Amino acid sequence: MSETTKVNYLKERLENFLTVLDEMDPATTQVEDIDRLISMMDELEEKMKEV
């Protein structure tokens, strides 16, 4: 996978993360939702190390 492809992938994943974050309602957010966000950030971090 080329570096450009990796960067584009990371951009898409980050946009997805931000969309999920924006759509969350603080009044109804569950621990599982926060766990999912943390997992998404962990995945992004690992992918960043590869670039």
N, C-alpha and C. Protein backbone atom coordinates (compact mmCIF):
# COMPACT_ATOMS: atom_id res chain seq x y z
N MET A 1 0.86 -1.18 0.00
CA MET A 1 0.00 0.00 0.00
C MET A 1 0.90 1.24 0.00
N SER A 2 0.63 2.15 -0.90
CA SER A 2 1.46 3.36 -0.98
C SER A 2 1.16 4.30 0.18
N GLU A 3 2.09 5.20 0.42
CA GLU A 3 1.92 6.15 1.51
C GLU A 3 0.70 7.03 1.29
N THR A 4 0.45 7.43 0.05
CA THR A 4 -0.72 8.25 -0.27
C THR A 4 -2.00 7.50 0.04
N THR A 5 -2.04 6.23 -0.29
CA THR A 5 -3.21 5.41 -0.01
C THR A 5 -3.43 5.29 1.49
N LYS A 6 -2.35 5.11 2.23
CA LYS A 6 -2.45 5.01 3.69
C LYS A 6 -2.97 6.31 4.29
N VAL A 7 -2.47 7.43 3.81
CA VAL A 7 -2.91 8.72 4.32
C VAL A 7 -4.38 8.95 4.01
N ASN A 8 -4.80 8.61 2.80
CA ASN A 8 -6.22 8.74 2.44
C ASN A 8 -7.09 7.85 3.31
N TYR A 9 -6.63 6.64 3.58
CA TYR A 9 -7.36 5.73 4.45
C TYR A 9 -7.50 6.34 5.85
N LEU A 10 -6.41 6.89 6.37
CA LEU A 10 -6.46 7.51 7.69
C LEU A 10 -7.41 8.70 7.72
N LYS A 11 -7.42 9.48 6.66
CA LYS A 11 -8.34 10.62 6.59
C LYS A 11 -9.79 10.14 6.64
N GLU A 12 -10.09 9.09 5.89
CA GLU A 12 -11.45 8.55 5.88
C GLU A 12 -11.84 8.02 7.25
N ARG A 13 -10.93 7.32 7.89
CA ARG A 13 -11.21 6.78 9.23
C ARG A 13 -11.42 7.90 10.24
N LEU A 14 -10.61 8.95 10.15
CA LEU A 14 -10.75 10.08 11.06
C LEU A 14 -12.08 10.79 10.82
N GLU A 15 -12.46 10.96 9.57
CA GLU A 15 -13.75 11.57 9.26
C GLU A 15 -14.89 10.73 9.82
N ASN A 16 -14.77 9.41 9.71
CA ASN A 16 -15.77 8.51 10.26
C ASN A 16 -15.85 8.67 11.78
N PHE A 17 -14.70 8.73 12.42
CA PHE A 17 -14.66 8.91 13.88
C PHE A 17 -15.34 10.22 14.27
N LEU A 18 -15.03 11.29 13.57
CA LEU A 18 -15.62 12.59 13.89
C LEU A 18 -17.12 12.60 13.65
N THR A 19 -17.58 11.91 12.63
CA THR A 19 -19.01 11.80 12.37
C THR A 19 -19.71 11.08 13.52
N VAL A 20 -19.14 9.97 13.94
CA VAL A 20 -19.72 9.22 15.06
C VAL A 20 -19.74 10.09 16.31
N LEU A 21 -18.65 10.79 16.56
CA LEU A 21 -18.56 11.65 17.74
C LEU A 21 -19.60 12.77 17.69
N ASP A 22 -19.75 13.40 16.54
CA ASP A 22 -20.73 14.48 16.39
C ASP A 22 -22.16 14.01 16.58
N GLU A 23 -22.44 12.77 16.19
CA GLU A 23 -23.80 12.25 16.26
C GLU A 23 -24.17 11.73 17.65
N MET A 24 -23.21 11.65 18.53
CA MET A 24 -23.50 11.13 19.87
C MET A 24 -24.25 12.17 20.69
N ASP A 25 -25.23 11.69 21.42
CA ASP A 25 -26.00 12.54 22.32
C ASP A 25 -25.48 12.29 23.74
N PRO A 26 -24.90 13.31 24.36
CA PRO A 26 -24.33 13.11 25.70
C PRO A 26 -25.33 12.55 26.72
N ALA A 27 -26.60 12.86 26.52
CA ALA A 27 -27.62 12.40 27.47
C ALA A 27 -27.88 10.90 27.36
N THR A 28 -27.60 10.33 26.19
CA THR A 28 -27.91 8.91 25.99
C THR A 28 -26.68 8.05 25.72
N THR A 29 -25.50 8.65 25.77
CA THR A 29 -24.27 7.91 25.49
C THR A 29 -24.00 6.90 26.60
N GLN A 30 -23.70 5.69 26.18
CA GLN A 30 -23.43 4.58 27.10
C GLN A 30 -21.92 4.32 27.17
N VAL A 31 -21.51 3.57 28.16
CA VAL A 31 -20.10 3.19 28.31
C VAL A 31 -19.62 2.45 27.06
N GLU A 32 -20.47 1.63 26.49
CA GLU A 32 -20.11 0.88 25.28
C GLU A 32 -19.78 1.82 24.12
N ASP A 33 -20.50 2.94 24.05
CA ASP A 33 -20.24 3.92 23.00
C ASP A 33 -18.85 4.54 23.16
N ILE A 34 -18.51 4.85 24.39
CA ILE A 34 -17.19 5.41 24.68
C ILE A 34 -16.11 4.37 24.38
N ASP A 35 -16.36 3.13 24.75
CA ASP A 35 -15.41 2.05 24.45
C ASP A 35 -15.18 1.93 22.95
N ARG A 36 -16.24 2.06 22.18
CA ARG A 36 -16.12 1.99 20.72
C ARG A 36 -15.26 3.14 20.19
N LEU A 37 -15.45 4.33 20.73
CA LEU A 37 -14.64 5.48 20.31
C LEU A 37 -13.17 5.26 20.66
N ILE A 38 -12.92 4.73 21.84
CA ILE A 38 -11.54 4.45 22.24
C ILE A 38 -10.91 3.42 21.31
N SER A 39 -11.67 2.41 20.96
CA SER A 39 -11.16 1.39 20.03
C SER A 39 -10.84 2.00 18.67
N MET A 40 -11.71 2.88 18.22
CA MET A 40 -11.47 3.55 16.94
C MET A 40 -10.19 4.38 16.99
N MET A 41 -9.99 5.08 18.10
CA MET A 41 -8.77 5.88 18.24
C MET A 41 -7.53 5.00 18.31
N ASP A 42 -7.63 3.88 19.00
CA ASP A 42 -6.51 2.94 19.07
C ASP A 42 -6.14 2.43 17.68
N GLU A 43 -7.15 2.10 16.89
CA GLU A 43 -6.90 1.63 15.52
C GLU A 43 -6.23 2.72 14.68
N LEU A 44 -6.72 3.94 14.81
CA LEU A 44 -6.12 5.05 14.08
C LEU A 44 -4.67 5.26 14.49
N GLU A 45 -4.42 5.17 15.78
CA GLU A 45 -3.05 5.34 16.27
C GLU A 45 -2.12 4.28 15.69
N GLU A 46 -2.57 3.04 15.66
CA GLU A 46 -1.75 1.96 15.10
C GLU A 46 -1.48 2.19 13.62
N LYS A 47 -2.49 2.61 12.89
CA LYS A 47 -2.32 2.88 11.47
C LYS A 47 -1.38 4.06 11.23
N MET A 48 -1.43 5.06 12.11
CA MET A 48 -0.55 6.22 11.98
C MET A 48 0.91 5.79 12.12
N LYS A 49 1.17 4.85 12.98
CA LYS A 49 2.53 4.36 13.18
C LYS A 49 3.07 3.68 11.93
N GLU A 50 2.17 3.15 11.11
CA GLU A 50 2.57 2.45 9.89
C GLU A 50 2.94 3.42 8.77
N VAL A 51 2.46 4.64 8.86
CA VAL A 51 2.70 5.61 7.77
C VAL A 51 4.02 6.22 7.93
